[in-house]
Amino acid sequence: MGTSFGDYNNDGKLDLVVTNFENDPNCLYRNNGDGTFSDETYSSGVGKNSLPYLAWGVGFLDLDNSGHQDMFVANGHIDDNVKVYTPSAAYAQQNQIFLNLGDSSFREISNQCGPGLQLKKVSRGAAFADYDNDGDIDIAISNSNQTPDLLQNDSDNQNHWLIIETVGTTSNRDGIGTRVTIVTEGGQQIREVKSGSSYLCQNDMRLHFGLGNAEMIDEVMVRWPSGLVEQFKNVKGDQFLRATEGEGLTVAHIPK
């Protein structure tokens, strides 16, 4: 149904999640770095809790700015009369959030995430962006024959963050295909600028990094599609930056 790439275990390699039909688990594949993937569907805690649902949009996102990417899944059946032939199934379903525990495993916390996650809808796509520019990632959900939902992230934790916009000069204007790597006291994280996201959606192309307790980024490395690699040392957290190809990092103007 839907797919997404992200480095959920912060080992510098992009892993893969695939959503599936009801009674088939959503699958999580860990990138081994040699052209192969290992199936971590059940060992990660993702598989069992996804079995009752028919899943579509999916993505990795750091909801609590911990430095570990969590997972959001949009659910909803295709048949409005599904109960006729499967009494245990439902057309409208609850969406799911899986919290990354930082040890390559996840715990479902959907029921702890506020009233927006208690709703049962026929959801399809999910897009992620910091739409209110407060440093944490919000979620927009498209629903079949229903109004969309916008879930505002109002987490009150004190973790730090960084958001980077890429502007290509030799590469394409939006920097699509650019990989940004950051290194902090908590380890390494990678993000890539993508022009499409999961199932029929588009995330904000600004790259969001949760920093946990780190107030400073030791290094930011930007690898452009043109082949240019730029490195920046001792970058402050809790700010919006613009990386312009060949011209360095500047503070981005964010409308209030």
C-alpha atoms as a PDB file:
ATOM      1  CA  MET A   1       0.000   0.000   0.000  1.00  0.00           C
ATOM      2  CA  GLY A   2       2.522   2.581   1.183  1.00  0.00           C
ATOM      3  CA  THR A   3       6.286   2.694   1.620  1.00  0.00           C
ATOM      4  CA  SER A   4       8.792   4.967   3.294  1.00  0.00           C
ATOM      5  CA  PHE A   5      12.544   5.077   3.787  1.00  0.00           C
ATOM      6  CA  GLY A   6      14.245   6.329   6.936  1.00  0.00           C
ATOM      7  CA  ASP A   7      17.188   5.535   9.188  1.00  0.00           C
ATOM      8  CA  TYR A   8      15.246   4.388  12.242  1.00  0.00           C
ATOM      9  CA  ASN A   9      18.315   2.951  14.011  1.00  0.00           C
ATOM     10  CA  ASN A  10      20.728   5.807  13.172  1.00  0.00           C
ATOM     11  CA  ASP A  11      23.364   3.597  11.578  1.00  0.00           C
ATOM     12  CA  GLY A  12      23.714   5.772   8.463  1.00  0.00           C
ATOM     13  CA  LYS A  13      21.687   3.485   6.182  1.00  0.00           C
ATOM     14  CA  LEU A  14      18.125   4.021   4.958  1.00  0.00           C
ATOM     15  CA  ASP A  15      15.708   1.331   6.137  1.00  0.00           C
ATOM     16  CA  LEU A  16      12.325   0.488   4.596  1.00  0.00           C
ATOM     17  CA  VAL A  17       8.786   0.195   5.964  1.00  0.00           C
ATOM     18  CA  VAL A  18       5.921  -1.221   3.862  1.00  0.00           C
ATOM     19  CA  THR A  19       2.236  -1.090   4.821  1.00  0.00           C
ATOM     20  CA  ASN A  20      -0.056  -3.990   3.981  1.00  0.00           C
ATOM     21  CA  PHE A  21      -3.621  -5.302   3.913  1.00  0.00           C
ATOM     22  CA  GLU A  22      -5.618  -6.322   6.958  1.00  0.00           C
ATOM     23  CA  ASN A  23      -4.229  -9.434   8.689  1.00  0.00           C
ATOM     24  CA  ASP A  24      -0.862  -8.884   7.003  1.00  0.00           C
ATOM     25  CA  PRO A  25       1.648  -7.038   9.176  1.00  0.00           C
ATOM     26  CA  ASN A  26       3.292  -3.810   8.191  1.00  0.00           C
ATOM     27  CA  CYS A  27       6.853  -4.848   7.391  1.00  0.00           C
ATOM     28  CA  LEU A  28      10.041  -3.187   8.615  1.00  0.00           C
ATOM     29  CA  TYR A  29      13.255  -4.018   6.786  1.00  0.00           C
ATOM     30  CA  ARG A  30      16.649  -3.068   8.237  1.00  0.00           C
ATOM     31  CA  ASN A  31      19.301  -2.074   5.713  1.00  0.00           C
ATOM     32  CA  ASN A  32      22.387  -4.283   6.114  1.00  0.00           C
ATOM     33  CA  GLY A  33      24.540  -2.003   3.975  1.00  0.00           C
ATOM     34  CA  ASP A  34      25.498  -4.716   1.498  1.00  0.00           C
ATOM     35  CA  GLY A  35      22.478  -4.576  -0.796  1.00  0.00           C
ATOM     36  CA  THR A  36      20.364  -6.795   1.471  1.00  0.00           C
ATOM     37  CA  PHE A  37      17.736  -6.128   4.133  1.00  0.00           C
ATOM     38  CA  SER A  38      16.789  -8.028   7.295  1.00  0.00           C
ATOM     39  CA  ASP A  39      13.132  -8.446   8.244  1.00  0.00           C
ATOM     40  CA  GLU A  40      12.639  -6.802  11.645  1.00  0.00           C
ATOM     41  CA  THR A  41       8.836  -6.710  11.453  1.00  0.00           C
ATOM     42  CA  TYR A  42       8.159  -8.614  14.658  1.00  0.00           C
ATOM     43  CA  SER A  43      11.423  -8.122  16.538  1.00  0.00           C
ATOM     44  CA  SER A  44      10.935  -4.337  16.292  1.00  0.00           C
ATOM     45  CA  GLY A  45       7.412  -4.411  17.746  1.00  0.00           C
ATOM     46  CA  VAL A  46       5.776  -3.102  14.559  1.00  0.00           C
ATOM     47  CA  GLY A  47       4.224  -6.303  13.226  1.00  0.00           C
ATOM     48  CA  LYS A  48       1.782  -7.577  15.851  1.00  0.00           C
ATOM     49  CA  ASN A  49       0.018  -4.268  16.481  1.00  0.00           C
ATOM     50  CA  SER A  50      -0.520  -3.650  12.766  1.00  0.00           C
ATOM     51  CA  LEU A  51      -2.339  -6.921  12.021  1.00  0.00           C
ATOM     52  CA  PRO A  52      -5.958  -5.738  12.597  1.00  0.00           C
ATOM     53  CA  TYR A  53      -5.586  -2.749  10.258  1.00  0.00           C
ATOM     54  CA  LEU A  54      -5.534  -2.023   6.545  1.00  0.00           C
ATOM     55  CA  ALA A  55      -2.709   0.481   6.243  1.00  0.00           C
ATOM     56  CA  TRP A  56      -1.836   3.092   3.614  1.00  0.00           C
ATOM     57  CA  GLY A  57       0.334   6.138   4.245  1.00  0.00           C
ATOM     58  CA  VAL A  58       3.344   5.606   6.467  1.00  0.00           C
ATOM     59  CA  GLY A  59       6.452   7.521   7.372  1.00  0.00           C
ATOM     60  CA  PHE A  60       9.330   8.030   9.753  1.00  0.00           C
ATOM     61  CA  LEU A  61       9.289  11.247  11.797  1.00  0.00           C
ATOM     62  CA  ASP A  62      10.793  12.342  15.095  1.00  0.00           C
ATOM     63  CA  LEU A  63       7.693  13.411  17.006  1.00  0.00           C
ATOM     64  CA  ASP A  64       9.385  14.064  20.350  1.00  0.00           C
ATOM     65  CA  ASN A  65      12.701  15.490  19.053  1.00  0.00           C
ATOM     66  CA  SER A  66      14.512  12.639  20.775  1.00  0.00           C
ATOM     67  CA  GLY A  67      16.912  12.016  17.898  1.00  0.00           C
ATOM     68  CA  HIS A  68      15.177   8.731  17.028  1.00  0.00           C
ATOM     69  CA  GLN A  69      12.605   8.558  14.242  1.00  0.00           C
ATOM     70  CA  ASP A  70       9.147   7.351  15.224  1.00  0.00           C
ATOM     71  CA  MET A  71       6.533   5.982  12.814  1.00  0.00           C
ATOM     72  CA  PHE A  72       3.031   7.120  11.811  1.00  0.00           C
ATOM     73  CA  VAL A  73       0.581   4.851   9.956  1.00  0.00           C
ATOM     74  CA  ALA A  74      -2.703   5.888   8.290  1.00  0.00           C
ATOM     75  CA  ASN A  75      -5.375   3.159   8.385  1.00  0.00           C
ATOM     76  CA  GLY A  76      -8.764   2.541   6.757  1.00  0.00           C
ATOM     77  CA  HIS A  77     -10.495  -0.295   4.915  1.00  0.00           C
ATOM     78  CA  ILE A  78     -11.449  -0.275   1.225  1.00  0.00           C
ATOM     79  CA  ASP A  79     -14.922  -1.823   1.638  1.00  0.00           C
ATOM     80  CA  ASP A  80     -17.638   0.086   3.493  1.00  0.00           C
ATOM     81  CA  ASN A  81     -19.535  -3.205   3.905  1.00  0.00           C
ATOM     82  CA  VAL A  82     -16.549  -5.150   5.233  1.00  0.00           C
ATOM     83  CA  LYS A  83     -18.490  -6.227   8.342  1.00  0.00           C
ATOM     84  CA  VAL A  84     -20.848  -8.261   6.146  1.00  0.00           C
ATOM     85  CA  TYR A  85     -18.122 -10.765   5.344  1.00  0.00           C
ATOM     86  CA  THR A  86     -15.621 -10.068   8.162  1.00  0.00           C
ATOM     87  CA  PRO A  87     -17.526  -9.159  11.355  1.00  0.00           C
ATOM     88  CA  SER A  88     -14.328  -8.424  13.261  1.00  0.00           C
ATOM     89  CA  ALA A  89     -13.146  -5.828  10.721  1.00  0.00           C
ATOM     90  CA  ALA A  90     -14.017  -2.134  10.466  1.00  0.00           C
ATOM     91  CA  TYR A  91     -14.267   0.343   7.593  1.00  0.00           C
ATOM     92  CA  ALA A  92     -13.189   3.358   9.675  1.00  0.00           C
ATOM     93  CA  GLN A  93     -10.065   2.629  11.686  1.00  0.00           C
ATOM     94  CA  GLN A  94      -7.764   4.286  14.186  1.00  0.00           C
ATOM     95  CA  ASN A  95      -4.461   5.637  12.921  1.00  0.00           C
ATOM     96  CA  GLN A  96      -1.286   4.615  14.727  1.00  0.00           C
ATOM     97  CA  ILE A  97       1.885   6.100  16.171  1.00  0.00           C
ATOM     98  CA  PHE A  98       4.848   3.912  17.069  1.00  0.00           C
ATOM     99  CA  LEU A  99       7.399   5.474  19.425  1.00  0.00           C
ATOM    100  CA  ASN A 100      11.043   4.681  18.708  1.00  0.00           C
ATOM    101  CA  LEU A 101      12.568   3.447  21.972  1.00  0.00           C
ATOM    102  CA  GLY A 102      16.129   4.090  20.792  1.00  0.00           C
ATOM    103  CA  ASP A 103      17.129   0.422  20.828  1.00  0.00           C
ATOM    104  CA  SER A 104      15.858  -0.530  17.334  1.00  0.00           C
ATOM    105  CA  SER A 105      12.396  -1.272  18.716  1.00  0.00           C
ATOM    106  CA  PHE A 106       9.047   0.539  18.758  1.00  0.00           C
ATOM    107  CA  ARG A 107       6.071   0.765  21.121  1.00  0.00           C
ATOM    108  CA  GLU A 108       2.603   1.730  19.914  1.00  0.00           C
ATOM    109  CA  ILE A 109       1.418   4.828  21.814  1.00  0.00           C
ATOM    110  CA  SER A 110      -1.610   5.856  19.714  1.00  0.00           C
ATOM    111  CA  ASN A 111      -3.960   5.965  22.697  1.00  0.00           C
ATOM    112  CA  GLN A 112      -1.611   8.312  24.567  1.00  0.00           C
ATOM    113  CA  CYS A 113      -1.382  10.923  21.811  1.00  0.00           C
ATOM    114  CA  GLY A 114      -4.532  12.969  22.314  1.00  0.00           C
ATOM    115  CA  PRO A 115      -8.072  13.009  20.894  1.00  0.00           C
ATOM    116  CA  GLY A 116      -6.932  13.358  17.276  1.00  0.00           C
ATOM    117  CA  LEU A 117      -5.472   9.869  17.437  1.00  0.00           C
ATOM    118  CA  GLN A 118      -8.635   8.415  18.991  1.00  0.00           C
ATOM    119  CA  LEU A 119     -10.710   9.184  15.894  1.00  0.00           C
ATOM    120  CA  LYS A 120     -11.679   6.378  13.565  1.00  0.00           C
ATOM    121  CA  LYS A 121     -11.525   7.468   9.945  1.00  0.00           C
ATOM    122  CA  VAL A 122     -11.047   5.943   6.508  1.00  0.00           C
ATOM    123  CA  SER A 123      -7.569   7.379   6.166  1.00  0.00           C
ATOM    124  CA  ARG A 124      -5.303   7.145   3.154  1.00  0.00           C
ATOM    125  CA  GLY A 125      -2.391   9.581   2.941  1.00  0.00           C
ATOM    126  CA  ALA A 126      -0.268  11.245   5.606  1.00  0.00           C
ATOM    127  CA  ALA A 127       2.118  14.166   5.161  1.00  0.00           C
ATOM    128  CA  PHE A 128       4.503  15.586   7.744  1.00  0.00           C
ATOM    129  CA  ALA A 129       5.567  19.206   8.256  1.00  0.00           C
ATOM    130  CA  ASP A 130       6.215  21.753  10.977  1.00  0.00           C
ATOM    131  CA  TYR A 131       3.342  23.875   9.720  1.00  0.00           C
ATOM    132  CA  ASP A 132       3.311  26.186  12.748  1.00  0.00           C
ATOM    133  CA  ASN A 133       7.105  26.575  12.780  1.00  0.00           C
ATOM    134  CA  ASP A 134       7.573  25.703  16.438  1.00  0.00           C
ATOM    135  CA  GLY A 135      10.273  23.081  15.938  1.00  0.00           C
ATOM    136  CA  ASP A 136       8.231  19.886  16.064  1.00  0.00           C
ATOM    137  CA  ILE A 137       6.559  17.867  13.324  1.00  0.00           C
ATOM    138  CA  ASP A 138       2.801  18.000  12.703  1.00  0.00           C
ATOM    139  CA  ILE A 139       0.716  15.565  10.638  1.00  0.00           C
ATOM    140  CA  ALA A 140      -1.847  16.129   7.860  1.00  0.00           C
ATOM    141  CA  ILE A 141      -4.083  13.169   6.990  1.00  0.00           C
ATOM    142  CA  SER A 142      -6.262  12.672   3.918  1.00  0.00           C
ATOM    143  CA  ASN A 143      -9.428  10.613   4.399  1.00  0.00           C
ATOM    144  CA  SER A 144     -11.674   8.884   1.877  1.00  0.00           C
ATOM    145  CA  ASN A 145     -14.932  10.849   1.356  1.00  0.00           C
ATOM    146  CA  GLN A 146     -14.271  12.734   4.600  1.00  0.00           C
ATOM    147  CA  THR A 147     -12.651  16.004   5.541  1.00  0.00           C
ATOM    148  CA  PRO A 148      -8.895  15.854   6.173  1.00  0.00           C
ATOM    149  CA  ASP A 149      -7.370  15.975   9.633  1.00  0.00           C
ATOM    150  CA  LEU A 150      -4.540  18.202  10.835  1.00  0.00           C
ATOM    151  CA  LEU A 151      -2.808  16.995  13.984  1.00  0.00           C
ATOM    152  CA  GLN A 152      -0.828  19.733  15.699  1.00  0.00           C
ATOM    153  CA  ASN A 153       2.113  18.466  17.716  1.00  0.00           C
ATOM    154  CA  ASP A 154       2.124  20.240  21.078  1.00  0.00           C
ATOM    155  CA  SER A 155       4.681  18.117  22.871  1.00  0.00           C
ATOM    156  CA  ASP A 156       5.938  19.879  25.986  1.00  0.00           C
ATOM    157  CA  ASN A 157       9.320  18.158  26.210  1.00  0.00           C
ATOM    158  CA  GLN A 158      12.479  20.269  26.275  1.00  0.00           C
ATOM    159  CA  ASN A 159      14.363  18.433  23.534  1.00  0.00           C
ATOM    160  CA  HIS A 160      16.197  20.481  20.928  1.00  0.00           C
ATOM    161  CA  TRP A 161      15.816  20.457  17.143  1.00  0.00           C
ATOM    162  CA  LEU A 162      17.133  21.747  13.815  1.00  0.00           C
ATOM    163  CA  ILE A 163      15.309  22.362  10.520  1.00  0.00           C
ATOM    164  CA  ILE A 164      17.247  22.808   7.266  1.00  0.00           C
ATOM    165  CA  GLU A 165      15.921  24.003   3.905  1.00  0.00           C
ATOM    166  CA  THR A 166      18.042  23.145   0.858  1.00  0.00           C
ATOM    167  CA  VAL A 167      18.435  25.464  -2.148  1.00  0.00           C
ATOM    168  CA  GLY A 168      20.290  24.096  -5.147  1.00  0.00           C
ATOM    169  CA  THR A 169      22.295  26.248  -7.555  1.00  0.00           C
ATOM    170  CA  THR A 170      24.077  23.697  -9.734  1.00  0.00           C
ATOM    171  CA  SER A 171      21.714  20.961  -8.548  1.00  0.00           C
ATOM    172  CA  ASN A 172      17.930  21.315  -8.893  1.00  0.00           C
ATOM    173  CA  ARG A 173      16.420  24.366  -7.190  1.00  0.00           C
ATOM    174  CA  ASP A 174      14.789  22.477  -4.284  1.00  0.00           C
ATOM    175  CA  GLY A 175      17.803  20.290  -3.640  1.00  0.00           C
ATOM    176  CA  ILE A 176      15.812  17.098  -4.232  1.00  0.00           C
ATOM    177  CA  GLY A 177      18.150  14.165  -3.705  1.00  0.00           C
ATOM    178  CA  THR A 178      20.360  16.023  -1.234  1.00  0.00           C
ATOM    179  CA  ARG A 179      21.485  14.054   1.810  1.00  0.00           C
ATOM    180  CA  VAL A 180      22.175  15.892   5.065  1.00  0.00           C
ATOM    181  CA  THR A 181      24.084  14.192   7.871  1.00  0.00           C
ATOM    182  CA  ILE A 182      24.419  15.666  11.345  1.00  0.00           C
ATOM    183  CA  VAL A 183      26.639  14.568  14.208  1.00  0.00           C
ATOM    184  CA  THR A 184      25.883  15.438  17.842  1.00  0.00           C
ATOM    185  CA  GLU A 185      26.868  14.082  21.234  1.00  0.00           C
ATOM    186  CA  GLY A 186      23.986  11.634  20.751  1.00  0.00           C
ATOM    187  CA  GLY A 187      25.361  10.185  17.504  1.00  0.00           C
ATOM    188  CA  GLN A 188      24.718  10.526  13.784  1.00  0.00           C
ATOM    189  CA  GLN A 189      21.484  11.142  11.859  1.00  0.00           C
ATOM    190  CA  ILE A 190      20.736  11.330   8.142  1.00  0.00           C
ATOM    191  CA  ARG A 191      17.860  12.791   6.133  1.00  0.00           C
ATOM    192  CA  GLU A 192      17.236  13.081   2.390  1.00  0.00           C
ATOM    193  CA  VAL A 193      15.219  15.664   0.456  1.00  0.00           C
ATOM    194  CA  LYS A 194      12.463  13.779  -1.393  1.00  0.00           C
ATOM    195  CA  SER A 195       9.839  14.934  -3.883  1.00  0.00           C
ATOM    196  CA  GLY A 196       7.250  12.320  -2.936  1.00  0.00           C
ATOM    197  CA  SER A 197       6.211  10.683   0.302  1.00  0.00           C
ATOM    198  CA  SER A 198       4.588   7.330   1.008  1.00  0.00           C
ATOM    199  CA  TYR A 199       1.042   7.080  -0.396  1.00  0.00           C
ATOM    200  CA  LEU A 200      -0.044   9.999  -2.653  1.00  0.00           C
ATOM    201  CA  CYS A 201       1.472  12.654  -0.389  1.00  0.00           C
ATOM    202  CA  GLN A 202       4.269  15.175  -0.161  1.00  0.00           C
ATOM    203  CA  ASN A 203       6.066  16.011   3.066  1.00  0.00           C
ATOM    204  CA  ASP A 204       7.614  19.384   3.778  1.00  0.00           C
ATOM    205  CA  MET A 205      10.956  19.282   1.953  1.00  0.00           C
ATOM    206  CA  ARG A 206      12.649  21.040   4.846  1.00  0.00           C
ATOM    207  CA  LEU A 207      14.632  18.465   6.805  1.00  0.00           C
ATOM    208  CA  HIS A 208      13.819  18.103  10.502  1.00  0.00           C
ATOM    209  CA  PHE A 209      16.237  16.714  13.072  1.00  0.00           C
ATOM    210  CA  GLY A 210      15.446  16.053  16.713  1.00  0.00           C
ATOM    211  CA  LEU A 211      18.530  16.645  18.847  1.00  0.00           C
ATOM    212  CA  GLY A 212      17.512  15.303  22.238  1.00  0.00           C
ATOM    213  CA  ASN A 213      19.549  17.064  24.926  1.00  0.00           C
ATOM    214  CA  ALA A 214      22.140  18.412  22.484  1.00  0.00           C
ATOM    215  CA  GLU A 215      22.082  22.189  22.070  1.00  0.00           C
ATOM    216  CA  MET A 216      24.913  22.171  19.529  1.00  0.00           C
ATOM    217  CA  ILE A 217      25.511  20.127  16.382  1.00  0.00           C
ATOM    218  CA  ASP A 218      29.173  19.129  16.075  1.00  0.00           C
ATOM    219  CA  GLU A 219      28.982  18.784  12.305  1.00  0.00           C
ATOM    220  CA  VAL A 220      26.481  19.254   9.487  1.00  0.00           C
ATOM    221  CA  MET A 221      27.446  17.615   6.183  1.00  0.00           C
ATOM    222  CA  VAL A 222      25.451  18.398   3.027  1.00  0.00           C
ATOM    223  CA  ARG A 223      25.930  16.109   0.024  1.00  0.00           C
ATOM    224  CA  TRP A 224      24.340  17.635  -3.090  1.00  0.00           C
ATOM    225  CA  PRO A 225      23.179  15.733  -6.216  1.00  0.00           C
ATOM    226  CA  SER A 226      25.904  17.576  -8.151  1.00  0.00           C
ATOM    227  CA  GLY A 227      28.519  15.750  -6.068  1.00  0.00           C
ATOM    228  CA  LEU A 228      29.482  18.786  -4.000  1.00  0.00           C
ATOM    229  CA  VAL A 229      29.958  18.019  -0.308  1.00  0.00           C
ATOM    230  CA  GLU A 230      29.918  20.848   2.237  1.00  0.00           C
ATOM    231  CA  GLN A 231      30.730  20.559   5.939  1.00  0.00           C
ATOM    232  CA  PHE A 232      29.894  22.966   8.742  1.00  0.00           C
ATOM    233  CA  LYS A 233      31.124  22.761  12.336  1.00  0.00           C
ATOM    234  CA  ASN A 234      29.573  23.799  15.657  1.00  0.00           C
ATOM    235  CA  VAL A 235      26.068  24.687  14.459  1.00  0.00           C
ATOM    236  CA  LYS A 236      23.551  25.849  17.062  1.00  0.00           C
ATOM    237  CA  GLY A 237      20.310  23.949  17.476  1.00  0.00           C
ATOM    238  CA  ASP A 238      16.754  25.285  17.802  1.00  0.00           C
ATOM    239  CA  GLN A 239      16.833  27.273  14.571  1.00  0.00           C
ATOM    240  CA  PHE A 240      15.737  27.223  10.943  1.00  0.00           C
ATOM    241  CA  LEU A 241      18.632  27.209   8.489  1.00  0.00           C
ATOM    242  CA  ARG A 242      18.951  27.473   4.721  1.00  0.00           C
ATOM    243  CA  ALA A 243      21.712  25.518   2.991  1.00  0.00           C
ATOM    244  CA  THR A 244      22.443  27.089  -0.393  1.00  0.00           C
ATOM    245  CA  GLU A 245      24.639  24.976  -2.653  1.00  0.00           C
ATOM    246  CA  GLY A 246      28.161  26.357  -2.690  1.00  0.00           C
ATOM    247  CA  GLU A 247      27.232  29.314  -0.485  1.00  0.00           C
ATOM    248  CA  GLY A 248      26.973  27.847   3.003  1.00  0.00           C
ATOM    249  CA  LEU A 249      24.411  27.978   5.814  1.00  0.00           C
ATOM    250  CA  THR A 250      22.306  31.015   6.673  1.00  0.00           C
ATOM    251  CA  VAL A 251      19.433  31.594   9.077  1.00  0.00           C
ATOM    252  CA  ALA A 252      16.146  31.125   7.210  1.00  0.00           C
ATOM    253  CA  HIS A 253      13.474  33.816   7.396  1.00  0.00           C
ATOM    254  CA  ILE A 254      10.353  32.272   8.904  1.00  0.00           C
ATOM    255  CA  PRO A 255       7.125  34.324   8.646  1.00  0.00           C
ATOM    256  CA  LYS A 256       5.313  34.725  11.947  1.00  0.00           C
END
